[in-house]
Amino acid sequence: MLQFGQVLSWFGHASVVPMHSHREAQLVVSLRGTATIGTGAQDWAITPRSMLWLAGDTPHRVHTTADHHWLVLSFPPELVARATGWVEASGFVHDLVERIGHAPDPERRARLTAVLVDELVEPVPVNARLRRVTELVTLHPATSVAALARAVGMSERTFRRWFRADVGTSFTRWRQQRVVDRAIEQLDRGDSVKCVAADLGYTSTSAFIAMFKRVMNVSPQRYLRSR
């Protein structure tokens, strides 16, 4: 049976929780009212039906409005490898989270959470040729789409169409998230923003910063200051 942390269901009036952190990653969902979570680098305003993923060991503070109800699901950080940011979730995922919050017993909660984890983990292509592309991107993130498509015997147009159909998102968006994940690893070990940008194939540091901010809603410099 899948092991995971507790599910917190918070009701109440306006409150403030000072800056703190914890090893577990958390999925924060507002069912009623709003909450603002500040990481130092970014303030995330969580409204009903929105979801925020907080990576483990992320310092943050919380401010809730009056008459709020929100759920916090905690996970071992190694279970779902995601950076802090919004979770683009379907109606199914929202309903699943609410069912977890109201599950009558731990076993049912664990079964529902196993399904949720499958939904949160970044998708991997089923098609073997597309999986080969994801491996190439991991090794050489700056490789052009045309070169990747040729490497697996496809035209660029066919490759893009197949990738979206298999993974459920565009290749451009998928690769940006992979690049950001790798950038975060390098930034966390002390590499400069300029070095990370060059290593990931960006000839312009400003272009890398713009991409990072588009995905993370915060610049690499502010991300580093929040760690």
Protein backbone atom coordinates (compact mmCIF):
# COMPACT_ATOMS: atom_id res chain seq x y z
CA MET A 1 0.00 0.00 0.00
CA LEU A 2 1.26 3.47 -0.88
CA GLN A 3 2.64 5.38 2.09
CA PHE A 4 2.03 9.11 2.32
CA GLY A 5 1.73 11.85 4.90
CA GLN A 6 -1.35 13.12 6.62
CA VAL A 7 -4.21 14.99 5.00
CA LEU A 8 -4.97 18.28 6.73
CA SER A 9 -8.42 19.82 6.37
CA TRP A 10 -8.36 23.41 7.58
CA PHE A 11 -11.45 25.43 8.46
CA GLY A 12 -11.63 28.75 10.22
CA HIS A 13 -11.12 32.46 10.32
CA ALA A 14 -8.32 34.58 8.92
CA SER A 15 -4.93 33.45 10.20
CA VAL A 16 -1.21 33.84 9.58
CA VAL A 17 1.38 31.05 9.81
CA PRO A 18 4.95 32.42 9.95
CA MET A 19 7.80 31.26 7.72
CA HIS A 20 8.56 27.56 8.16
CA SER A 21 9.50 24.50 6.13
CA HIS A 22 9.14 20.73 6.25
CA ARG A 23 10.72 17.77 4.52
CA GLU A 24 7.46 16.63 2.92
CA ALA A 25 6.18 18.01 -0.35
CA GLN A 26 2.62 19.32 -0.19
CA LEU A 27 -0.32 19.75 -2.51
CA VAL A 28 -2.40 22.71 -1.33
CA VAL A 29 -6.00 23.04 -2.53
CA SER A 30 -8.59 25.68 -1.62
CA LEU A 31 -12.17 24.45 -1.45
CA ARG A 32 -13.55 27.75 -0.10
CA GLY A 33 -11.98 31.13 0.53
CA THR A 34 -8.44 32.12 -0.42
CA ALA A 35 -4.99 31.54 0.96
CA THR A 36 -1.71 33.19 0.08
CA ILE A 37 1.51 31.21 0.37
CA GLY A 38 4.71 33.23 0.20
CA THR A 39 8.07 31.59 -0.44
CA GLY A 40 10.10 34.78 -0.22
CA ALA A 41 10.60 34.82 -3.97
CA GLN A 42 6.94 34.52 -4.93
CA ASP A 43 3.46 34.95 -3.45
CA TRP A 44 0.96 32.35 -4.62
CA ALA A 45 -2.72 33.33 -4.22
CA ILE A 46 -4.70 30.09 -4.00
CA THR A 47 -8.35 30.45 -4.92
CA PRO A 48 -11.04 27.75 -5.02
CA ARG A 49 -10.27 24.99 -7.53
CA SER A 50 -6.62 26.05 -7.89
CA MET A 51 -3.77 23.81 -6.74
CA LEU A 52 -0.25 24.63 -5.64
CA TRP A 53 2.57 22.10 -5.34
CA LEU A 54 5.12 22.97 -2.63
CA ALA A 55 8.38 21.09 -3.03
CA GLY A 56 9.86 19.63 0.14
CA ASP A 57 12.11 21.86 2.29
CA THR A 58 10.67 25.04 0.73
CA PRO A 59 10.50 27.87 3.32
CA HIS A 60 7.04 29.46 3.19
CA ARG A 61 4.49 31.46 5.15
CA VAL A 62 0.69 31.21 4.95
CA HIS A 63 -2.10 33.78 5.20
CA THR A 64 -5.73 32.66 5.02
CA THR A 65 -8.91 34.69 4.68
CA ALA A 66 -11.96 34.40 6.90
CA ASP A 67 -14.32 31.48 6.33
CA HIS A 68 -11.82 29.31 4.50
CA HIS A 69 -11.65 25.58 3.88
CA TRP A 70 -8.62 24.09 2.22
CA LEU A 71 -6.88 20.75 2.05
CA VAL A 72 -3.17 20.04 2.35
CA LEU A 73 -1.91 16.63 1.21
CA SER A 74 1.67 15.76 2.13
CA PHE A 75 3.96 13.38 0.24
CA PRO A 76 7.50 12.04 0.64
CA PRO A 77 9.57 14.32 -1.62
CA GLU A 78 10.99 11.39 -3.57
CA LEU A 79 7.50 10.19 -4.55
CA VAL A 80 6.67 13.05 -6.94
CA ALA A 81 9.58 15.07 -8.34
CA ARG A 82 8.12 18.51 -9.08
CA ALA A 83 9.31 22.04 -8.48
CA THR A 84 7.12 24.47 -6.55
CA GLY A 85 4.42 25.84 -8.84
CA TRP A 86 0.84 25.61 -10.03
CA VAL A 87 -0.62 22.21 -10.84
CA GLU A 88 -2.69 22.28 -14.01
CA ALA A 89 -5.32 19.80 -12.94
CA SER A 90 -8.38 18.38 -14.62
CA GLY A 91 -11.80 18.24 -13.02
CA PHE A 92 -11.06 14.59 -12.27
CA VAL A 93 -8.00 15.54 -10.19
CA HIS A 94 -9.93 18.21 -8.28
CA ASP A 95 -12.68 15.71 -7.48
CA LEU A 96 -10.08 13.12 -6.51
CA VAL A 97 -8.46 15.51 -4.03
CA GLU A 98 -11.81 16.25 -2.40
CA ARG A 99 -12.55 12.52 -2.14
CA ILE A 100 -9.18 12.00 -0.46
CA GLY A 101 -9.97 14.76 2.01
CA HIS A 102 -13.27 13.11 2.93
CA ALA A 103 -12.12 9.47 2.78
CA PRO A 104 -13.55 7.61 5.81
CA ASP A 105 -10.53 5.38 6.47
CA PRO A 106 -6.74 5.28 5.84
CA GLU A 107 -6.88 2.37 3.38
CA ARG A 108 -9.34 4.10 1.06
CA ARG A 109 -7.35 7.33 1.34
CA ALA A 110 -4.18 5.46 0.35
CA ARG A 111 -5.86 3.90 -2.71
CA LEU A 112 -7.16 7.27 -3.87
CA THR A 113 -3.78 8.88 -3.25
CA ALA A 114 -2.08 6.24 -5.40
CA VAL A 115 -4.31 7.35 -8.29
CA LEU A 116 -3.52 11.00 -7.56
CA VAL A 117 0.22 10.34 -7.65
CA ASP A 118 -0.17 8.75 -11.09
CA GLU A 119 -1.86 11.96 -12.24
CA LEU A 120 0.81 14.24 -10.73
CA VAL A 121 3.88 12.43 -12.02
CA GLU A 122 5.14 13.95 -15.25
CA PRO A 123 4.00 11.85 -18.24
CA VAL A 124 6.34 9.53 -20.13
CA PRO A 125 5.53 8.61 -23.75
CA VAL A 126 4.20 5.14 -24.47
CA ASN A 127 5.67 5.10 -27.97
CA ALA A 128 9.25 3.75 -27.94
CA ARG A 129 10.53 6.30 -30.47
CA LEU A 130 9.11 9.18 -28.46
CA ARG A 131 10.66 7.76 -25.28
CA ARG A 132 13.98 7.79 -27.11
CA VAL A 133 13.49 11.51 -27.74
CA THR A 134 12.92 12.16 -24.02
CA GLU A 135 16.18 10.33 -23.30
CA LEU A 136 18.02 12.46 -25.88
CA VAL A 137 16.59 15.65 -24.37
CA THR A 138 17.80 14.58 -20.93
CA LEU A 139 21.32 14.10 -22.30
CA HIS A 140 21.34 17.02 -24.76
CA PRO A 141 18.60 19.53 -23.87
CA ALA A 142 19.62 22.04 -26.55
CA THR A 143 19.09 19.65 -29.49
CA SER A 144 16.73 21.16 -32.06
CA VAL A 145 13.28 19.68 -32.64
CA ALA A 146 14.17 18.96 -36.26
CA ALA A 147 17.27 16.99 -35.20
CA LEU A 148 15.32 15.05 -32.58
CA ALA A 149 12.64 14.16 -35.10
CA ARG A 150 15.25 12.99 -37.63
CA ALA A 151 16.92 10.86 -34.94
CA VAL A 152 13.75 8.78 -34.61
CA GLY A 153 12.83 8.76 -38.30
CA MET A 154 10.00 11.30 -38.28
CA SER A 155 9.26 14.62 -39.87
CA GLU A 156 9.09 17.49 -37.40
CA ARG A 157 5.36 17.93 -38.01
CA THR A 158 4.62 14.23 -37.44
CA PHE A 159 6.79 14.19 -34.35
CA ARG A 160 4.99 17.15 -32.78
CA ARG A 161 1.59 15.65 -33.56
CA TRP A 162 2.51 12.21 -32.18
CA PHE A 163 4.07 13.68 -29.05
CA ARG A 164 0.97 15.71 -28.17
CA ALA A 165 -1.30 12.72 -28.81
CA ASP A 166 0.87 10.41 -26.67
CA VAL A 167 1.85 12.68 -23.77
CA GLY A 168 -1.10 15.06 -23.70
CA THR A 169 0.91 18.27 -23.98
CA SER A 170 3.04 19.98 -26.61
CA PHE A 171 6.68 19.01 -26.95
CA THR A 172 7.73 22.64 -26.45
CA ARG A 173 5.96 22.84 -23.12
CA TRP A 174 7.20 19.42 -22.02
CA ARG A 175 10.81 20.29 -22.85
CA GLN A 176 10.64 23.65 -21.08
CA GLN A 177 9.62 21.87 -17.88
CA ARG A 178 12.45 19.35 -18.28
CA VAL A 179 14.95 22.15 -18.89
CA VAL A 180 13.73 24.02 -15.81
CA ASP A 181 14.01 20.86 -13.71
CA ARG A 182 17.62 20.45 -14.83
CA ALA A 183 18.32 24.15 -14.31
CA ILE A 184 17.05 23.93 -10.74
CA GLU A 185 19.38 21.00 -10.04
CA GLN A 186 22.36 23.03 -11.29
CA LEU A 187 21.34 26.23 -9.52
CA ASP A 188 20.89 24.32 -6.25
CA ARG A 189 24.43 22.98 -6.46
CA GLY A 190 25.84 26.49 -6.90
CA ASP A 191 26.19 27.00 -10.67
CA SER A 192 25.70 30.59 -11.84
CA VAL A 193 22.68 31.56 -13.93
CA LYS A 194 24.97 32.39 -16.85
CA CYS A 195 26.68 28.98 -16.70
CA VAL A 196 23.37 27.14 -16.42
CA ALA A 197 21.96 29.02 -19.41
CA ALA A 198 25.01 28.17 -21.52
CA ASP A 199 25.01 24.53 -20.43
CA LEU A 200 21.37 24.19 -21.45
CA GLY A 201 22.07 25.57 -24.90
CA TYR A 202 20.93 29.17 -24.52
CA THR A 203 23.12 31.67 -26.37
CA SER A 204 21.36 34.46 -24.46
CA THR A 205 21.16 34.44 -20.66
CA SER A 206 18.18 36.79 -20.82
CA ALA A 207 16.29 34.30 -23.03
CA PHE A 208 16.93 31.57 -20.46
CA ILE A 209 15.75 33.84 -17.62
CA ALA A 210 12.56 34.67 -19.56
CA MET A 211 11.83 30.96 -20.14
CA PHE A 212 12.52 30.09 -16.48
CA LYS A 213 10.23 32.87 -15.28
CA ARG A 214 7.49 31.81 -17.71
CA VAL A 215 7.50 28.28 -16.28
CA MET A 216 8.21 29.06 -12.60
CA ASN A 217 6.59 32.52 -12.24
CA VAL A 218 9.86 33.71 -10.70
CA SER A 219 13.33 34.53 -12.04
CA PRO A 220 16.30 32.22 -11.37
CA GLN A 221 17.83 34.88 -9.11
CA ARG A 222 14.70 35.18 -6.96
CA TYR A 223 14.37 31.41 -6.90
CA LEU A 224 17.90 31.15 -5.49
CA ARG A 225 17.22 33.80 -2.84
CA SER A 226 14.18 31.83 -1.66
CA ARG A 227 16.12 28.61 -1.04
